[in-house]
Amino acid sequence: MKNKKFIKIAKEVINLEIKALEKLKKNLNDSFNKAVLEISKCQSKIILCGVGKSGIIASKIAATLSSVGSPSFYLSASDSSHGDLGSISKKDILILISNSGQTKELRNIIQFANRNKILLIGIVSKQNSILYKASDIKLLLPQVIESEGIVPTSSTTAQLALGDALAISAMKHKKFNKLDFKKIHPAGSLGAQLKTVEDIMLTGDKIPFVKENLKMKDALIILNKKKLGCLVVTNKRNLTVGIITDGQIRRFNQKNIDLKSRIVKEVMTKKPISIEKNDLAAKALSMMNLKKITSLCVHQNKKKDKTIGILHIHNILQSNIT
């Protein structure tokens, strides 16, 4: 039962951090807008730097910015005074993070930025600090209460939240979308979730095309050869007009209907369900489950009658999309 005191401590820490975030939200002003615009239009690198816990936060923010289309990296404050200042160019943006704004390790970087007219964004909580005064864009953090009055917790939470807000705001301003995100996150479960229909669809000779006036006896040979359980039916203009599935064929057989004597358009289902190639594969799986089908035609833009690919549920499952 004594362990309940740990829950109480945890809640106190979290409450202090919540209060810090509430203060941060109220503190946002036009300086934030200016920072987002500068980050969005940067054609070079965004370099983040901090000391101690602020350095760790700077590293995380750099990773987040890079992941949403704003190339960034973390610069060690101590290493910068021993040659790494050479990695900063005049077209870069420098973001320095410091709660006090007086950290001596940052002074050489501040001087270098000011001397070379490198845009400096300061994330700091003290208005009378060196960093605040030297920054071109000043992002003022609120004064907060740290856990036990001394441990950097509330301040670093505010720094991290502000960095995330900058990254997401810049991402939206640049219209960096899910497809862009997928390109730089190809691996792991996230990469699987972001795969598009185009990534896994079958194309070219693998699409089981048949003409609408073809005899079913010949169509069945193609069905067995392609091994997809469906046929995509086209007319004389190569436009998609229907689909035949092995389920349909089984139902005809159960009714003792002689398919071989018929032609394709007498058997097909008109206007097959199609999906746009840039839609997420997860959406395709959802459509299949909803419609209780195992294959989808794939089109480009709004041209649903022009099939450019075929997507089978096996393609989705093999890509670990759930």
Protein backbone atom coordinates (compact mmCIF):
# COMPACT_ATOMS: atom_id res chain seq x y z
CA MET A 1 0.00 0.00 0.00
CA LYS A 2 2.94 2.33 0.65
CA ASN A 3 3.66 2.29 -3.07
CA LYS A 4 0.65 4.56 -3.56
CA LYS A 5 2.92 7.46 -2.71
CA PHE A 6 4.70 6.95 -6.05
CA ILE A 7 1.43 7.49 -7.91
CA LYS A 8 0.97 10.73 -5.97
CA ILE A 9 4.48 11.87 -6.93
CA ALA A 10 3.87 10.97 -10.58
CA LYS A 11 0.65 12.98 -10.64
CA GLU A 12 2.40 15.99 -9.12
CA VAL A 13 5.12 15.85 -11.81
CA ILE A 14 2.56 15.49 -14.60
CA ASN A 15 0.41 18.31 -13.21
CA LEU A 16 3.41 20.64 -13.21
CA GLU A 17 4.12 19.73 -16.83
CA ILE A 18 0.48 20.24 -17.81
CA LYS A 19 0.58 23.70 -16.26
CA ALA A 20 3.77 24.42 -18.21
CA LEU A 21 2.06 23.45 -21.46
CA GLU A 22 -0.98 25.59 -20.66
CA LYS A 23 1.32 28.56 -20.09
CA LEU A 24 3.17 27.82 -23.32
CA LYS A 25 -0.08 27.76 -25.29
CA LYS A 26 -1.01 31.21 -23.97
CA ASN A 27 2.49 32.55 -24.72
CA LEU A 28 2.40 31.85 -28.47
CA ASN A 29 2.56 35.02 -30.56
CA ASP A 30 3.59 36.30 -33.97
CA SER A 31 7.20 35.27 -33.37
CA PHE A 32 6.02 31.68 -33.69
CA ASN A 33 4.46 32.48 -37.10
CA LYS A 34 7.71 34.07 -38.26
CA ALA A 35 9.72 31.04 -37.16
CA VAL A 36 7.41 28.66 -39.04
CA LEU A 37 7.64 30.71 -42.24
CA GLU A 38 11.45 30.85 -42.08
CA ILE A 39 11.71 27.10 -41.42
CA SER A 40 9.28 26.38 -44.28
CA LYS A 41 11.20 28.38 -46.88
CA CYS A 42 14.69 27.27 -45.79
CA GLN A 43 16.53 25.84 -48.81
CA SER A 44 19.47 24.63 -46.76
CA LYS A 45 19.75 22.99 -43.32
CA ILE A 46 18.13 23.68 -39.98
CA ILE A 47 20.67 23.23 -37.20
CA LEU A 48 19.58 22.78 -33.60
CA CYS A 49 21.79 23.11 -30.58
CA GLY A 50 21.44 23.06 -26.82
CA VAL A 51 23.33 22.07 -23.70
CA GLY A 52 22.46 19.28 -21.28
CA LYS A 53 18.77 18.35 -21.23
CA SER A 54 18.07 21.11 -23.75
CA GLY A 55 20.59 19.44 -26.05
CA ILE A 56 18.66 16.18 -25.88
CA ILE A 57 15.45 18.04 -26.72
CA ALA A 58 17.24 19.78 -29.61
CA SER A 59 18.29 16.40 -31.00
CA LYS A 60 14.73 15.11 -30.88
CA ILE A 61 13.30 18.22 -32.56
CA ALA A 62 15.93 17.93 -35.32
CA ALA A 63 14.84 14.35 -35.94
CA THR A 64 11.18 15.38 -36.09
CA LEU A 65 11.84 18.24 -38.50
CA SER A 66 13.83 15.95 -40.80
CA SER A 67 11.05 13.37 -40.76
CA VAL A 68 8.50 15.89 -42.02
CA GLY A 69 10.49 17.39 -44.86
CA SER A 70 12.73 20.02 -43.23
CA PRO A 71 16.31 18.64 -43.32
CA SER A 72 17.80 19.21 -39.87
CA PHE A 73 20.56 17.97 -37.62
CA TYR A 74 21.77 18.37 -34.07
CA LEU A 75 25.04 20.19 -33.38
CA SER A 76 26.93 19.53 -30.16
CA ALA A 77 27.50 22.82 -28.33
CA SER A 78 30.88 21.74 -26.99
CA ASP A 79 32.09 20.33 -30.32
CA SER A 80 31.05 23.50 -32.14
CA SER A 81 33.84 25.42 -30.43
CA HIS A 82 36.39 22.89 -31.70
CA GLY A 83 35.77 23.06 -35.42
CA ASP A 84 32.12 22.06 -35.90
CA LEU A 85 31.07 25.67 -36.48
CA GLY A 86 32.36 24.96 -39.98
CA SER A 87 29.27 22.82 -40.60
CA ILE A 88 27.05 25.92 -40.46
CA SER A 89 26.55 27.87 -43.70
CA LYS A 90 25.03 31.30 -44.25
CA LYS A 91 21.88 29.83 -45.78
CA ASP A 92 21.20 27.65 -42.74
CA ILE A 93 18.84 28.41 -39.89
CA LEU A 94 20.22 28.03 -36.39
CA ILE A 95 17.84 27.15 -33.53
CA LEU A 96 19.40 27.43 -30.07
CA ILE A 97 17.55 26.06 -27.06
CA SER A 98 18.39 27.13 -23.52
CA ASN A 99 16.18 27.63 -20.49
CA SER A 100 18.39 30.35 -19.03
CA GLY A 101 19.84 31.66 -22.28
CA GLN A 102 23.11 32.27 -20.48
CA THR A 103 24.85 28.92 -20.98
CA LYS A 104 28.48 29.70 -21.74
CA GLU A 105 28.85 26.87 -24.28
CA LEU A 106 26.36 28.67 -26.54
CA ARG A 107 28.16 32.02 -26.61
CA ASN A 108 30.61 31.11 -29.36
CA ILE A 109 27.75 29.82 -31.53
CA ILE A 110 25.71 32.99 -30.93
CA GLN A 111 28.67 35.18 -31.87
CA PHE A 112 29.37 33.10 -34.98
CA ALA A 113 25.72 33.36 -36.10
CA ASN A 114 25.53 37.12 -35.54
CA ARG A 115 28.89 37.76 -37.19
CA ASN A 116 27.96 35.75 -40.30
CA LYS A 117 24.34 36.95 -40.45
CA ILE A 118 22.96 33.44 -39.98
CA LEU A 119 19.29 33.48 -39.00
CA LEU A 120 19.11 32.68 -35.29
CA ILE A 121 15.95 31.44 -33.61
CA GLY A 122 16.22 31.40 -29.84
CA ILE A 123 14.03 29.22 -27.63
CA VAL A 124 14.59 30.64 -24.18
CA SER A 125 12.75 31.61 -20.99
CA LYS A 126 14.79 34.65 -19.85
CA GLN A 127 14.27 37.98 -21.63
CA ASN A 128 17.41 39.52 -20.15
CA SER A 129 19.62 36.69 -21.42
CA ILE A 130 22.32 36.77 -24.07
CA LEU A 131 20.42 34.33 -26.28
CA TYR A 132 17.16 36.27 -26.17
CA LYS A 133 18.84 39.56 -27.03
CA ALA A 134 20.95 38.07 -29.85
CA SER A 135 18.16 36.10 -31.55
CA ASP A 136 16.56 37.27 -34.79
CA ILE A 137 13.36 35.45 -33.85
CA LYS A 138 12.69 35.15 -30.14
CA LEU A 139 10.49 32.27 -28.92
CA LEU A 140 9.96 33.02 -25.26
CA LEU A 141 9.17 30.06 -23.04
CA PRO A 142 7.04 30.71 -19.94
CA GLN A 143 8.50 30.69 -16.45
CA VAL A 144 7.57 27.29 -15.00
CA ILE A 145 7.95 25.31 -11.79
CA GLU A 146 10.27 22.33 -12.11
CA SER A 147 9.78 19.07 -10.21
CA GLU A 148 11.18 19.45 -6.70
CA GLY A 149 12.01 22.99 -7.75
CA ILE A 150 15.26 22.00 -9.45
CA VAL A 151 14.91 19.07 -11.87
CA PRO A 152 14.49 20.10 -15.55
CA THR A 153 11.12 18.55 -16.33
CA SER A 154 8.46 21.20 -16.90
CA SER A 155 10.88 23.37 -18.90
CA THR A 156 12.03 20.52 -21.15
CA THR A 157 8.42 19.43 -21.70
CA ALA A 158 7.62 22.95 -22.90
CA GLN A 159 10.70 22.98 -25.16
CA LEU A 160 9.73 19.67 -26.72
CA ALA A 161 6.12 20.71 -27.28
CA LEU A 162 7.19 23.97 -28.91
CA GLY A 163 9.56 22.07 -31.20
CA ASP A 164 6.81 19.65 -32.21
CA ALA A 165 4.48 22.57 -32.89
CA LEU A 166 7.09 24.21 -35.14
CA ALA A 167 7.67 20.98 -37.06
CA ILE A 168 3.99 20.19 -37.67
CA SER A 169 3.14 23.80 -38.56
CA ALA A 170 5.97 23.89 -41.11
CA MET A 171 4.92 20.52 -42.48
CA LYS A 172 1.37 21.72 -43.10
CA HIS A 173 2.54 25.02 -44.58
CA LYS A 174 4.75 23.11 -47.04
CA LYS A 175 1.85 20.77 -47.82
CA PHE A 176 4.01 17.80 -46.86
CA ASN A 177 1.50 14.94 -47.04
CA LYS A 178 1.25 11.22 -46.31
CA LEU A 179 2.85 10.26 -49.61
CA ASP A 180 5.83 12.50 -48.88
CA PHE A 181 6.02 11.07 -45.37
CA LYS A 182 6.03 7.52 -46.73
CA LYS A 183 9.04 8.20 -48.96
CA ILE A 184 11.30 8.86 -45.97
CA HIS A 185 9.72 6.22 -43.70
CA PRO A 186 9.93 3.08 -45.87
CA ALA A 187 10.71 0.57 -43.12
CA GLY A 188 8.91 -0.95 -40.17
CA SER A 189 5.22 -0.96 -39.28
CA LEU A 190 4.91 2.73 -40.09
CA GLY A 191 6.17 2.13 -43.60
CA ALA A 192 3.65 -0.68 -44.04
CA GLN A 193 0.78 1.52 -42.87
CA LEU A 194 1.76 4.20 -45.38
CA LYS A 195 2.09 1.94 -48.42
CA THR A 196 -0.13 2.98 -51.27
CA VAL A 197 -2.09 0.84 -53.68
CA GLU A 198 0.48 1.61 -56.37
CA ASP A 199 3.25 0.16 -54.19
CA ILE A 200 1.74 -3.33 -54.18
CA MET A 201 -0.61 -3.60 -57.15
CA LEU A 202 0.02 -5.91 -60.09
CA THR A 203 0.56 -4.28 -63.48
CA GLY A 204 1.23 -5.03 -67.15
CA ASP A 205 0.90 -8.64 -68.23
CA LYS A 206 -0.05 -9.66 -64.71
CA ILE A 207 -3.45 -7.98 -65.07
CA PRO A 208 -5.97 -10.63 -66.24
CA PHE A 209 -7.58 -8.65 -69.06
CA VAL A 210 -10.18 -10.27 -71.33
CA LYS A 211 -12.35 -8.79 -74.08
CA GLU A 212 -16.10 -8.61 -73.50
CA ASN A 213 -16.91 -10.69 -76.61
CA LEU A 214 -14.43 -13.45 -75.81
CA LYS A 215 -15.90 -16.93 -75.36
CA MET A 216 -15.99 -18.03 -71.75
CA LYS A 217 -14.17 -21.26 -72.53
CA ASP A 218 -11.16 -19.16 -73.56
CA ALA A 219 -11.63 -16.75 -70.66
CA LEU A 220 -11.50 -19.63 -68.18
CA ILE A 221 -8.10 -20.64 -69.55
CA ILE A 222 -6.82 -17.11 -68.83
CA LEU A 223 -8.39 -17.20 -65.36
CA ASN A 224 -6.51 -20.41 -64.51
CA LYS A 225 -3.28 -19.09 -66.02
CA LYS A 226 -3.26 -15.74 -64.14
CA LYS A 227 -4.25 -17.35 -60.82
CA LEU A 228 -5.81 -14.22 -59.36
CA GLY A 229 -9.37 -15.49 -59.08
CA CYS A 230 -10.73 -12.74 -61.33
CA LEU A 231 -10.84 -11.36 -64.86
CA VAL A 232 -10.98 -7.67 -65.81
CA VAL A 233 -13.27 -7.18 -68.81
CA THR A 234 -12.58 -4.49 -71.43
CA ASN A 235 -14.37 -3.31 -74.56
CA LYS A 236 -13.02 -2.44 -78.01
CA ARG A 237 -11.64 0.88 -76.70
CA ASN A 238 -9.78 -0.95 -73.90
CA LEU A 239 -12.05 0.61 -71.28
CA THR A 240 -12.99 -1.48 -68.27
CA VAL A 241 -16.63 -2.53 -68.41
CA GLY A 242 -16.84 -5.43 -65.98
CA ILE A 243 -15.25 -8.11 -63.84
CA ILE A 244 -15.63 -11.85 -63.46
CA THR A 245 -14.65 -13.59 -60.23
CA ASP A 246 -14.20 -17.25 -59.43
CA GLY A 247 -17.08 -16.82 -56.95
CA GLN A 248 -19.41 -15.90 -59.81
CA ILE A 249 -18.22 -18.89 -61.79
CA ARG A 250 -18.90 -21.22 -58.85
CA ARG A 251 -22.44 -19.88 -58.56
CA PHE A 252 -23.05 -20.49 -62.27
CA ASN A 253 -21.74 -24.03 -61.91
CA GLN A 254 -24.01 -24.66 -58.92
CA LYS A 255 -26.96 -23.75 -61.13
CA ASN A 256 -25.70 -26.21 -63.80
CA ILE A 257 -25.34 -23.40 -66.34
CA ASP A 258 -23.00 -24.21 -69.21
CA LEU A 259 -20.53 -21.30 -69.11
CA LYS A 260 -18.41 -22.48 -72.01
CA SER A 261 -21.17 -21.73 -74.47
CA ARG A 262 -21.50 -18.12 -73.32
CA ILE A 263 -19.43 -15.00 -73.93
CA VAL A 264 -17.76 -12.90 -71.28
CA LYS A 265 -20.17 -9.94 -71.21
CA GLU A 266 -23.07 -12.30 -70.47
CA VAL A 267 -21.36 -13.43 -67.27
CA MET A 268 -19.50 -10.36 -66.01
CA THR A 269 -20.54 -7.96 -63.27
CA LYS A 270 -20.72 -4.46 -64.72
CA LYS A 271 -18.92 -1.42 -63.27
CA PRO A 272 -16.35 -3.18 -61.07
CA ILE A 273 -15.21 -1.50 -57.86
CA SER A 274 -12.01 0.45 -58.44
CA ILE A 275 -9.57 2.35 -56.24
CA GLU A 276 -7.19 5.22 -57.02
CA LYS A 277 -3.53 4.23 -57.18
CA ASN A 278 -2.43 6.83 -54.60
CA ASP A 279 -4.89 5.69 -51.94
CA LEU A 280 -3.43 3.89 -48.95
CA ALA A 281 -3.37 0.10 -49.17
CA ALA A 282 -5.09 0.08 -45.76
CA LYS A 283 -8.06 1.82 -47.39
CA ALA A 284 -8.15 -0.87 -50.07
CA LEU A 285 -8.27 -3.57 -47.39
CA SER A 286 -11.13 -1.76 -45.68
CA MET A 287 -13.04 -1.57 -48.99
CA MET A 288 -12.52 -5.28 -49.58
CA ASN A 289 -13.78 -6.16 -46.13
CA LEU A 290 -16.81 -3.88 -46.49
CA LYS A 291 -17.76 -5.14 -49.95
CA LYS A 292 -16.74 -8.74 -49.16
CA ILE A 293 -14.52 -9.00 -52.23
CA THR A 294 -10.94 -10.14 -52.75
CA SER A 295 -9.84 -8.00 -55.71
CA LEU A 296 -9.95 -4.36 -56.74
CA CYS A 297 -9.29 -2.70 -60.08
CA VAL A 298 -6.88 0.24 -59.84
CA HIS A 299 -7.27 3.51 -61.72
CA GLN A 300 -5.44 6.83 -61.95
CA ASN A 301 -7.05 10.16 -61.09
CA LYS A 302 -10.78 9.90 -61.86
CA LYS A 303 -10.51 7.55 -64.83
CA LYS A 304 -12.27 4.56 -63.27
CA ASP A 305 -12.90 2.98 -66.65
CA LYS A 306 -9.18 2.72 -67.38
CA THR A 307 -7.64 -0.04 -65.28
CA ILE A 308 -3.87 0.34 -64.75
CA GLY A 309 -3.47 -2.34 -62.11
CA ILE A 310 -5.12 -5.07 -60.09
CA LEU A 311 -4.93 -5.49 -56.34
CA HIS A 312 -5.60 -8.83 -54.68
CA ILE A 313 -6.09 -9.26 -50.97
CA HIS A 314 -3.03 -11.55 -50.90
CA ASN A 315 -0.87 -8.61 -52.03
CA ILE A 316 -2.11 -6.62 -49.05
CA LEU A 317 -1.64 -9.39 -46.50
CA GLN A 318 1.86 -10.18 -47.80
CA SER A 319 2.78 -6.53 -47.17
CA ASN A 320 1.78 -6.86 -43.48
CA ILE A 321 -0.99 -4.29 -43.83
CA THR A 322 -3.79 -4.80 -41.33
